[in-house]
C-alpha cells in the first residue's frame, strides 16, 4: 500500500490466477469500520517491523504465519458478503497450513 492521497494496493498483479480477489476482499473488510481496523492493527502489531523477514521467510515464520492467518480470519468475519467472506476464509486456512497462494489446493 502506498499513501498518495488514495489507497493503492501494488502487489495484486503478483497473485496467481484470480487470487488477486483475496487481498481486495481482505482490505475491504478490514477497512470497513473502526472495530475491524482496531482488531486488524492488534493482530498485525507484533510483526509490524518485520518486512524483511516477511520477504525472506514468508509463511515459514510462525509469527508471520499467525498474523497473516489472524488478519484473513478477521477479514472473513467482517465481510458483509458471504461470497466475499469465503475468499479470505479460504486463504486463512491455506496460511494456517503454511501454503503460499500458488500452492492452493
C-alpha atoms as a PDB file:
ATOM      1  CA  UNK A   1       0.000   0.000   0.000  1.00  0.00           C
ATOM      2  CA  UNK A   2       1.353   3.405  -0.897  1.00  0.00           C
ATOM      3  CA  UNK A   3      -0.113   6.601   0.547  1.00  0.00           C
ATOM      4  CA  UNK A   4      -0.716   9.009  -2.321  1.00  0.00           C
ATOM      5  CA  UNK A   5      -3.982  10.679  -1.368  1.00  0.00           C
ATOM      6  CA  UNK A   6      -5.744   7.382  -2.023  1.00  0.00           C
ATOM      7  CA  UNK A   7      -5.271   3.730  -1.199  1.00  0.00           C
ATOM      8  CA  UNK A   8      -3.150   1.978  -3.789  1.00  0.00           C
ATOM      9  CA  UNK A   9      -2.512  -1.737  -3.485  1.00  0.00           C
ATOM     10  CA  UNK A  10       0.573  -2.540  -5.507  1.00  0.00           C
ATOM     11  CA  UNK A  11       1.004  -6.304  -5.375  1.00  0.00           C
ATOM     12  CA  UNK A  12      -2.229  -7.542  -6.931  1.00  0.00           C
ATOM     13  CA  UNK A  13      -0.546  -8.495 -10.203  1.00  0.00           C
ATOM     14  CA  UNK A  14       1.793 -10.821  -8.287  1.00  0.00           C
ATOM     15  CA  UNK A  15      -1.076 -13.077  -7.201  1.00  0.00           C
ATOM     16  CA  UNK A  16      -1.555 -16.280  -9.201  1.00  0.00           C
ATOM     17  CA  UNK A  17      -4.726 -16.695 -11.260  1.00  0.00           C
ATOM     18  CA  UNK A  18      -7.742 -14.992  -9.738  1.00  0.00           C
ATOM     19  CA  UNK A  19      -6.140 -14.835  -6.275  1.00  0.00           C
ATOM     20  CA  UNK A  20      -5.965 -11.027  -6.655  1.00  0.00           C
ATOM     21  CA  UNK A  21      -9.538 -11.093  -5.315  1.00  0.00           C
ATOM     22  CA  UNK A  22      -8.348 -12.232  -1.866  1.00  0.00           C
ATOM     23  CA  UNK A  23      -6.450  -9.050  -0.931  1.00  0.00           C
ATOM     24  CA  UNK A  24      -9.301  -6.936  -2.310  1.00  0.00           C
ATOM     25  CA  UNK A  25     -11.810  -8.793  -0.100  1.00  0.00           C
ATOM     26  CA  UNK A  26      -9.485  -8.604   2.913  1.00  0.00           C
ATOM     27  CA  UNK A  27      -8.716  -4.908   2.544  1.00  0.00           C
ATOM     28  CA  UNK A  28     -12.384  -4.083   2.008  1.00  0.00           C
ATOM     29  CA  UNK A  29     -13.407  -5.954   5.165  1.00  0.00           C
ATOM     30  CA  UNK A  30     -10.525  -4.791   7.381  1.00  0.00           C
ATOM     31  CA  UNK A  31     -11.150  -1.143   6.497  1.00  0.00           C
ATOM     32  CA  UNK A  32     -14.924  -1.464   6.903  1.00  0.00           C
ATOM     33  CA  UNK A  33     -15.088   0.287  10.255  1.00  0.00           C
ATOM     34  CA  UNK A  34     -13.280   1.267  13.442  1.00  0.00           C
ATOM     35  CA  UNK A  35     -13.780  -2.125  15.107  1.00  0.00           C
ATOM     36  CA  UNK A  36     -12.337  -4.055  12.184  1.00  0.00           C
ATOM     37  CA  UNK A  37      -9.416  -1.643  11.887  1.00  0.00           C
ATOM     38  CA  UNK A  38      -8.625  -1.834  15.607  1.00  0.00           C
ATOM     39  CA  UNK A  39      -8.659  -5.635  15.589  1.00  0.00           C
ATOM     40  CA  UNK A  40      -6.530  -5.735  12.425  1.00  0.00           C
ATOM     41  CA  UNK A  41      -3.999  -3.376  13.979  1.00  0.00           C
ATOM     42  CA  UNK A  42      -3.808  -5.517  17.114  1.00  0.00           C
ATOM     43  CA  UNK A  43      -3.303  -8.664  15.020  1.00  0.00           C
ATOM     44  CA  UNK A  44      -0.592  -7.090  12.863  1.00  0.00           C
ATOM     45  CA  UNK A  45       1.259  -5.116  15.531  1.00  0.00           C
ATOM     46  CA  UNK A  46       3.578  -7.928  16.696  1.00  0.00           C
ATOM     47  CA  UNK A  47       5.008  -8.193  13.169  1.00  0.00           C
ATOM     48  CA  UNK A  48       4.843  -4.511  12.201  1.00  0.00           C
ATOM     49  CA  UNK A  49       8.594  -4.043  11.664  1.00  0.00           C
ATOM     50  CA  UNK A  50       9.286  -7.431  10.086  1.00  0.00           C
ATOM     51  CA  UNK A  51       9.037  -6.555   6.370  1.00  0.00           C
ATOM     52  CA  UNK A  52      12.412  -8.092   5.511  1.00  0.00           C
ATOM     53  CA  UNK A  53      11.610 -11.279   7.392  1.00  0.00           C
ATOM     54  CA  UNK A  54       8.280 -11.469   5.599  1.00  0.00           C
ATOM     55  CA  UNK A  55      10.023 -11.130   2.234  1.00  0.00           C
ATOM     56  CA  UNK A  56      12.655 -13.720   3.130  1.00  0.00           C
ATOM     57  CA  UNK A  57      10.711 -16.292   5.145  1.00  0.00           C
ATOM     58  CA  UNK A  58       7.033 -15.673   4.414  1.00  0.00           C
ATOM     59  CA  UNK A  59       4.689 -18.200   5.983  1.00  0.00           C
ATOM     60  CA  UNK A  60       7.582 -20.396   7.143  1.00  0.00           C
ATOM     61  CA  UNK A  61       7.968 -17.913  10.016  1.00  0.00           C
ATOM     62  CA  UNK A  62       5.401 -18.940  12.624  1.00  0.00           C
ATOM     63  CA  UNK A  63       4.797 -15.425  13.960  1.00  0.00           C
ATOM     64  CA  UNK A  64       4.233 -14.041  10.454  1.00  0.00           C
ATOM     65  CA  UNK A  65       2.011 -17.008   9.619  1.00  0.00           C
ATOM     66  CA  UNK A  66      -0.070 -16.409  12.755  1.00  0.00           C
ATOM     67  CA  UNK A  67      -0.502 -12.720  11.889  1.00  0.00           C
ATOM     68  CA  UNK A  68      -1.494 -13.495   8.290  1.00  0.00           C
ATOM     69  CA  UNK A  69      -3.964 -16.138   9.413  1.00  0.00           C
ATOM     70  CA  UNK A  70      -5.453 -13.820  12.043  1.00  0.00           C
ATOM     71  CA  UNK A  71      -5.853 -10.943   9.576  1.00  0.00           C
ATOM     72  CA  UNK A  72      -7.500 -13.120   6.951  1.00  0.00           C
ATOM     73  CA  UNK A  73      -9.810 -14.658   9.558  1.00  0.00           C
ATOM     74  CA  UNK A  74     -10.790 -11.172  10.733  1.00  0.00           C
ATOM     75  CA  UNK A  75     -11.451 -10.163   7.135  1.00  0.00           C
ATOM     76  CA  UNK A  76     -13.751 -13.145   6.713  1.00  0.00           C
ATOM     77  CA  UNK A  77     -15.575 -12.257   9.928  1.00  0.00           C
ATOM     78  CA  UNK A  78     -16.045  -8.594   8.978  1.00  0.00           C
ATOM     79  CA  UNK A  79     -17.045  -9.142   5.364  1.00  0.00           C
ATOM     80  CA  UNK A  80     -20.719  -8.276   4.829  1.00  0.00           C
ATOM     81  CA  UNK A  81     -20.996 -10.504   1.757  1.00  0.00           C
ATOM     82  CA  UNK A  82     -20.877 -14.316   2.175  1.00  0.00           C
ATOM     83  CA  UNK A  83     -19.152 -14.843  -1.191  1.00  0.00           C
ATOM     84  CA  UNK A  84     -16.566 -12.162  -0.417  1.00  0.00           C
ATOM     85  CA  UNK A  85     -16.088 -13.663   3.090  1.00  0.00           C
ATOM     86  CA  UNK A  86     -15.276 -17.050   1.571  1.00  0.00           C
ATOM     87  CA  UNK A  87     -12.170 -15.672  -0.151  1.00  0.00           C
ATOM     88  CA  UNK A  88     -10.218 -14.605   2.971  1.00  0.00           C
ATOM     89  CA  UNK A  89     -11.584 -17.570   4.961  1.00  0.00           C
ATOM     90  CA  UNK A  90     -10.131 -19.992   2.414  1.00  0.00           C
ATOM     91  CA  UNK A  91      -6.876 -18.030   2.336  1.00  0.00           C
ATOM     92  CA  UNK A  92      -6.701 -18.124   6.157  1.00  0.00           C
ATOM     93  CA  UNK A  93      -6.952 -21.921   6.058  1.00  0.00           C
ATOM     94  CA  UNK A  94      -4.173 -22.014   3.459  1.00  0.00           C
ATOM     95  CA  UNK A  95      -1.984 -19.671   5.514  1.00  0.00           C
ATOM     96  CA  UNK A  96      -2.537 -21.750   8.627  1.00  0.00           C
ATOM     97  CA  UNK A  97      -1.058 -24.698   6.717  1.00  0.00           C
ATOM     98  CA  UNK A  98       1.891 -22.502   5.647  1.00  0.00           C
ATOM     99  CA  UNK A  99       0.978 -22.614   1.967  1.00  0.00           C
ATOM    100  CA  UNK A 100       1.506 -19.723  -0.446  1.00  0.00           C
ATOM    101  CA  UNK A 101      -1.300 -18.725  -2.851  1.00  0.00           C
ATOM    102  CA  UNK A 102       0.443 -20.641  -5.636  1.00  0.00           C
ATOM    103  CA  UNK A 103       0.206 -23.802  -3.510  1.00  0.00           C
ATOM    104  CA  UNK A 104      -3.581 -23.553  -3.003  1.00  0.00           C
ATOM    105  CA  UNK A 105      -5.331 -26.902  -3.336  1.00  0.00           C
END
